[in-house]
Amino acid sequence: MRKYLAVLLLSSVAAIAHAGTEDQYNQSCTFCHGTGAAGAPKTGDKAAWAPRLEKGMETLVKHAREGFNAMPPKGMCNDCTDEDFRALIEHMTK
């Protein structure tokens, strides 16, 4: 019974985290990354993301936090943490 409850709890937490990332993406990232505006790599475009991913996640998070090229610091997510940016990048690169 405890194993069942633990699995249920972990499943719920994962679903909430995914929903939170999706909401953050829709509120903060989709305008540029959904359309490719200002040269932003489009969500799901593996070829566009590949050279960026080669730089490593820490570099991508740093660019999101500090700004890079046309992307302003923190993009459109002023309350995002590094963990949020990591989750958003993972979401956009799938």
N, C-alpha and C. Protein backbone atom coordinates (compact mmCIF):
# COMPACT_ATOMS: atom_id res chain seq x y z
N MET A 1 0.83 -1.19 0.00
CA MET A 1 0.00 0.00 0.00
C MET A 1 0.88 1.25 0.00
N ARG A 2 1.95 1.24 0.79
CA ARG A 2 2.83 2.42 0.85
C ARG A 2 3.51 2.66 -0.50
N LYS A 3 3.91 1.56 -1.16
CA LYS A 3 4.53 1.71 -2.48
C LYS A 3 3.54 2.33 -3.45
N TYR A 4 2.32 1.90 -3.39
CA TYR A 4 1.28 2.44 -4.28
C TYR A 4 1.11 3.93 -4.03
N LEU A 5 1.03 4.33 -2.77
CA LEU A 5 0.87 5.74 -2.43
C LEU A 5 2.08 6.55 -2.86
N ALA A 6 3.27 5.99 -2.71
CA ALA A 6 4.49 6.69 -3.12
C ALA A 6 4.51 6.90 -4.64
N VAL A 7 4.12 5.87 -5.38
CA VAL A 7 4.07 5.99 -6.84
C VAL A 7 3.02 7.02 -7.26
N LEU A 8 1.89 7.00 -6.61
CA LEU A 8 0.83 7.95 -6.90
C LEU A 8 1.29 9.38 -6.61
N LEU A 9 1.95 9.58 -5.50
CA LEU A 9 2.45 10.90 -5.12
C LEU A 9 3.49 11.39 -6.13
N LEU A 10 4.44 10.54 -6.49
CA LEU A 10 5.46 10.93 -7.45
C LEU A 10 4.85 11.23 -8.82
N SER A 11 3.87 10.47 -9.22
CA SER A 11 3.19 10.71 -10.50
C SER A 11 2.48 12.06 -10.47
N SER A 12 1.85 12.38 -9.36
CA SER A 12 1.15 13.65 -9.22
C SER A 12 2.12 14.82 -9.27
N VAL A 13 3.25 14.69 -8.57
CA VAL A 13 4.26 15.74 -8.56
C VAL A 13 4.81 15.96 -9.97
N ALA A 14 5.08 14.90 -10.69
CA ALA A 14 5.59 15.01 -12.05
C ALA A 14 4.57 15.69 -12.96
N ALA A 15 3.31 15.35 -12.81
CA ALA A 15 2.26 15.96 -13.63
C ALA A 15 2.13 17.44 -13.33
N ILE A 16 2.21 17.82 -12.07
CA ILE A 16 2.13 19.22 -11.68
C ILE A 16 3.33 19.98 -12.22
N ALA A 17 4.51 19.40 -12.11
CA ALA A 17 5.72 20.05 -12.62
C ALA A 17 5.62 20.26 -14.13
N HIS A 18 5.12 19.26 -14.87
CA HIS A 18 4.96 19.39 -16.31
C HIS A 18 3.95 20.49 -16.64
N ALA A 19 2.85 20.52 -15.91
CA ALA A 19 1.83 21.55 -16.15
C ALA A 19 2.40 22.94 -15.86
N GLY A 20 3.22 23.05 -14.81
CA GLY A 20 3.84 24.33 -14.49
C GLY A 20 4.78 24.78 -15.58
N THR A 21 5.58 23.87 -16.11
CA THR A 21 6.50 24.19 -17.20
C THR A 21 5.71 24.60 -18.44
N GLU A 22 4.66 23.87 -18.75
CA GLU A 22 3.84 24.21 -19.92
C GLU A 22 3.22 25.59 -19.75
N ASP A 23 2.73 25.91 -18.57
CA ASP A 23 2.16 27.24 -18.31
C ASP A 23 3.22 28.32 -18.46
N GLN A 24 4.40 28.09 -17.88
CA GLN A 24 5.49 29.07 -18.01
C GLN A 24 5.88 29.25 -19.47
N TYR A 25 5.96 28.16 -20.19
CA TYR A 25 6.30 28.22 -21.62
C TYR A 25 5.26 29.06 -22.36
N ASN A 26 3.99 28.77 -22.14
CA ASN A 26 2.92 29.49 -22.84
C ASN A 26 2.91 30.97 -22.49
N GLN A 27 3.25 31.32 -21.27
CA GLN A 27 3.24 32.71 -20.83
C GLN A 27 4.50 33.47 -21.23
N SER A 28 5.63 32.78 -21.29
CA SER A 28 6.90 33.49 -21.42
C SER A 28 7.71 33.18 -22.67
N CYS A 29 7.58 32.02 -23.23
CA CYS A 29 8.50 31.57 -24.28
C CYS A 29 7.87 31.45 -25.66
N THR A 30 6.59 31.14 -25.70
CA THR A 30 5.96 30.75 -26.95
C THR A 30 5.97 31.85 -28.01
N PHE A 31 5.93 33.11 -27.60
CA PHE A 31 5.89 34.19 -28.60
C PHE A 31 7.09 34.12 -29.52
N CYS A 32 8.28 33.98 -28.97
CA CYS A 32 9.49 33.92 -29.80
C CYS A 32 9.84 32.50 -30.22
N HIS A 33 9.80 31.56 -29.28
CA HIS A 33 10.23 30.20 -29.59
C HIS A 33 9.16 29.40 -30.32
N GLY A 34 7.93 29.86 -30.31
CA GLY A 34 6.88 29.21 -31.08
C GLY A 34 6.89 29.63 -32.55
N THR A 35 7.43 30.83 -32.80
CA THR A 35 7.40 31.38 -34.15
C THR A 35 8.79 31.54 -34.76
N GLY A 36 9.83 31.53 -33.94
CA GLY A 36 11.18 31.79 -34.43
C GLY A 36 11.50 33.27 -34.53
N ALA A 37 10.69 34.10 -33.86
CA ALA A 37 10.88 35.55 -33.91
C ALA A 37 12.29 35.92 -33.45
N ALA A 38 12.87 36.90 -34.10
CA ALA A 38 14.19 37.45 -33.75
C ALA A 38 15.28 36.38 -33.73
N GLY A 39 15.09 35.32 -34.51
CA GLY A 39 16.11 34.27 -34.61
C GLY A 39 16.07 33.24 -33.50
N ALA A 40 15.03 33.27 -32.68
CA ALA A 40 14.91 32.28 -31.60
C ALA A 40 14.73 30.89 -32.20
N PRO A 41 15.42 29.88 -31.64
CA PRO A 41 15.20 28.51 -32.13
C PRO A 41 13.78 28.07 -31.79
N LYS A 42 13.07 27.55 -32.78
CA LYS A 42 11.69 27.14 -32.57
C LYS A 42 11.62 25.89 -31.70
N THR A 43 10.59 25.85 -30.90
CA THR A 43 10.34 24.70 -30.05
C THR A 43 10.19 23.45 -30.91
N GLY A 44 10.95 22.42 -30.55
CA GLY A 44 10.89 21.14 -31.25
C GLY A 44 11.76 21.05 -32.49
N ASP A 45 12.43 22.13 -32.86
CA ASP A 45 13.30 22.12 -34.04
C ASP A 45 14.68 21.60 -33.63
N LYS A 46 14.85 20.29 -33.73
CA LYS A 46 16.08 19.65 -33.26
C LYS A 46 17.32 20.18 -33.95
N ALA A 47 17.23 20.49 -35.24
CA ALA A 47 18.39 21.01 -35.96
C ALA A 47 18.80 22.39 -35.45
N ALA A 48 17.84 23.23 -35.13
CA ALA A 48 18.14 24.57 -34.62
C ALA A 48 18.71 24.51 -33.20
N TRP A 49 18.25 23.55 -32.41
CA TRP A 49 18.70 23.44 -31.03
C TRP A 49 20.03 22.70 -30.90
N ALA A 50 20.37 21.84 -31.84
CA ALA A 50 21.57 21.00 -31.72
C ALA A 50 22.85 21.78 -31.41
N PRO A 51 23.19 22.83 -32.17
CA PRO A 51 24.44 23.55 -31.85
C PRO A 51 24.38 24.25 -30.50
N ARG A 52 23.20 24.62 -30.09
CA ARG A 52 23.05 25.27 -28.79
C ARG A 52 23.24 24.26 -27.66
N LEU A 53 22.65 23.07 -27.84
CA LEU A 53 22.78 22.03 -26.83
C LEU A 53 24.23 21.57 -26.68
N GLU A 54 25.00 21.66 -27.76
CA GLU A 54 26.41 21.28 -27.68
C GLU A 54 27.19 22.17 -26.73
N LYS A 55 26.71 23.37 -26.50
CA LYS A 55 27.37 24.30 -25.57
C LYS A 55 27.14 23.91 -24.12
N GLY A 56 26.16 23.05 -23.88
CA GLY A 56 25.87 22.57 -22.54
C GLY A 56 24.71 23.31 -21.88
N MET A 57 24.03 22.61 -21.00
CA MET A 57 22.86 23.16 -20.34
C MET A 57 23.20 24.38 -19.49
N GLU A 58 24.34 24.35 -18.82
CA GLU A 58 24.71 25.49 -17.97
C GLU A 58 24.85 26.77 -18.79
N THR A 59 25.42 26.66 -19.98
CA THR A 59 25.55 27.82 -20.86
C THR A 59 24.18 28.31 -21.31
N LEU A 60 23.30 27.38 -21.67
CA LEU A 60 21.96 27.77 -22.10
C LEU A 60 21.18 28.45 -20.97
N VAL A 61 21.30 27.93 -19.77
CA VAL A 61 20.64 28.54 -18.62
C VAL A 61 21.22 29.94 -18.37
N LYS A 62 22.53 30.06 -18.48
CA LYS A 62 23.19 31.36 -18.30
C LYS A 62 22.68 32.36 -19.34
N HIS A 63 22.57 31.93 -20.60
CA HIS A 63 22.07 32.81 -21.65
C HIS A 63 20.62 33.22 -21.37
N ALA A 64 19.82 32.30 -20.88
CA ALA A 64 18.43 32.63 -20.55
C ALA A 64 18.38 33.63 -19.40
N ARG A 65 19.21 33.43 -18.41
CA ARG A 65 19.23 34.30 -17.23
C ARG A 65 19.79 35.68 -17.57
N GLU A 66 20.89 35.73 -18.32
CA GLU A 66 21.59 36.99 -18.54
C GLU A 66 21.23 37.65 -19.87
N GLY A 67 20.58 36.91 -20.76
CA GLY A 67 20.28 37.41 -22.09
C GLY A 67 21.35 36.98 -23.07
N PHE A 68 20.98 36.89 -24.33
CA PHE A 68 21.92 36.47 -25.37
C PHE A 68 21.35 36.88 -26.72
N ASN A 69 22.18 37.53 -27.55
CA ASN A 69 21.72 38.04 -28.84
C ASN A 69 20.44 38.85 -28.64
N ALA A 70 19.35 38.52 -29.32
CA ALA A 70 18.12 39.30 -29.23
C ALA A 70 17.29 38.97 -27.98
N MET A 71 17.66 37.90 -27.26
CA MET A 71 16.89 37.52 -26.07
C MET A 71 17.32 38.41 -24.90
N PRO A 72 16.37 39.12 -24.30
CA PRO A 72 16.72 39.95 -23.15
C PRO A 72 16.96 39.09 -21.92
N PRO A 73 17.62 39.64 -20.90
CA PRO A 73 17.80 38.88 -19.66
C PRO A 73 16.47 38.34 -19.14
N LYS A 74 16.47 37.07 -18.83
CA LYS A 74 15.32 36.33 -18.32
C LYS A 74 14.19 36.20 -19.33
N GLY A 75 14.48 36.56 -20.58
CA GLY A 75 13.45 36.43 -21.62
C GLY A 75 12.21 37.20 -21.20
N MET A 76 11.12 36.53 -21.09
CA MET A 76 9.87 37.14 -20.64
C MET A 76 9.43 36.53 -19.31
N CYS A 77 10.37 35.91 -18.58
CA CYS A 77 10.04 35.22 -17.33
C CYS A 77 10.91 35.76 -16.20
N ASN A 78 10.53 36.90 -15.69
CA ASN A 78 11.33 37.55 -14.65
C ASN A 78 11.37 36.79 -13.33
N ASP A 79 10.40 35.92 -13.09
CA ASP A 79 10.40 35.17 -11.83
C ASP A 79 10.92 33.74 -11.99
N CYS A 80 11.45 33.40 -13.17
CA CYS A 80 11.98 32.06 -13.39
C CYS A 80 13.31 31.87 -12.65
N THR A 81 13.47 30.69 -12.10
CA THR A 81 14.73 30.29 -11.46
C THR A 81 15.57 29.55 -12.50
N ASP A 82 16.82 29.27 -12.16
CA ASP A 82 17.65 28.47 -13.05
C ASP A 82 17.01 27.11 -13.32
N GLU A 83 16.37 26.53 -12.31
CA GLU A 83 15.71 25.24 -12.49
C GLU A 83 14.54 25.38 -13.47
N ASP A 84 13.81 26.51 -13.37
CA ASP A 84 12.72 26.75 -14.32
C ASP A 84 13.26 26.86 -15.74
N PHE A 85 14.35 27.63 -15.91
CA PHE A 85 14.94 27.77 -17.24
C PHE A 85 15.39 26.41 -17.77
N ARG A 86 15.98 25.59 -16.93
CA ARG A 86 16.43 24.26 -17.34
C ARG A 86 15.24 23.44 -17.84
N ALA A 87 14.15 23.47 -17.08
CA ALA A 87 12.94 22.71 -17.47
C ALA A 87 12.35 23.26 -18.77
N LEU A 88 12.36 24.58 -18.93
CA LEU A 88 11.82 25.18 -20.14
C LEU A 88 12.68 24.83 -21.36
N ILE A 89 14.00 24.86 -21.19
CA ILE A 89 14.89 24.49 -22.29
C ILE A 89 14.66 23.03 -22.67
N GLU A 90 14.57 22.16 -21.67
CA GLU A 90 14.32 20.74 -21.96
C GLU A 90 12.99 20.58 -22.68
N HIS A 91 12.00 21.33 -22.28
CA HIS A 91 10.68 21.28 -22.93
C HIS A 91 10.78 21.71 -24.40
N MET A 92 11.52 22.79 -24.66
CA MET A 92 11.61 23.32 -26.02
C MET A 92 12.48 22.47 -26.94
N THR A 93 13.40 21.71 -26.38
CA THR A 93 14.31 20.93 -27.21
C THR A 93 13.81 19.53 -27.52
N LYS A 94 12.69 19.14 -26.98
CA LYS A 94 12.14 17.80 -27.25
C LYS A 94 11.36 17.77 -28.53
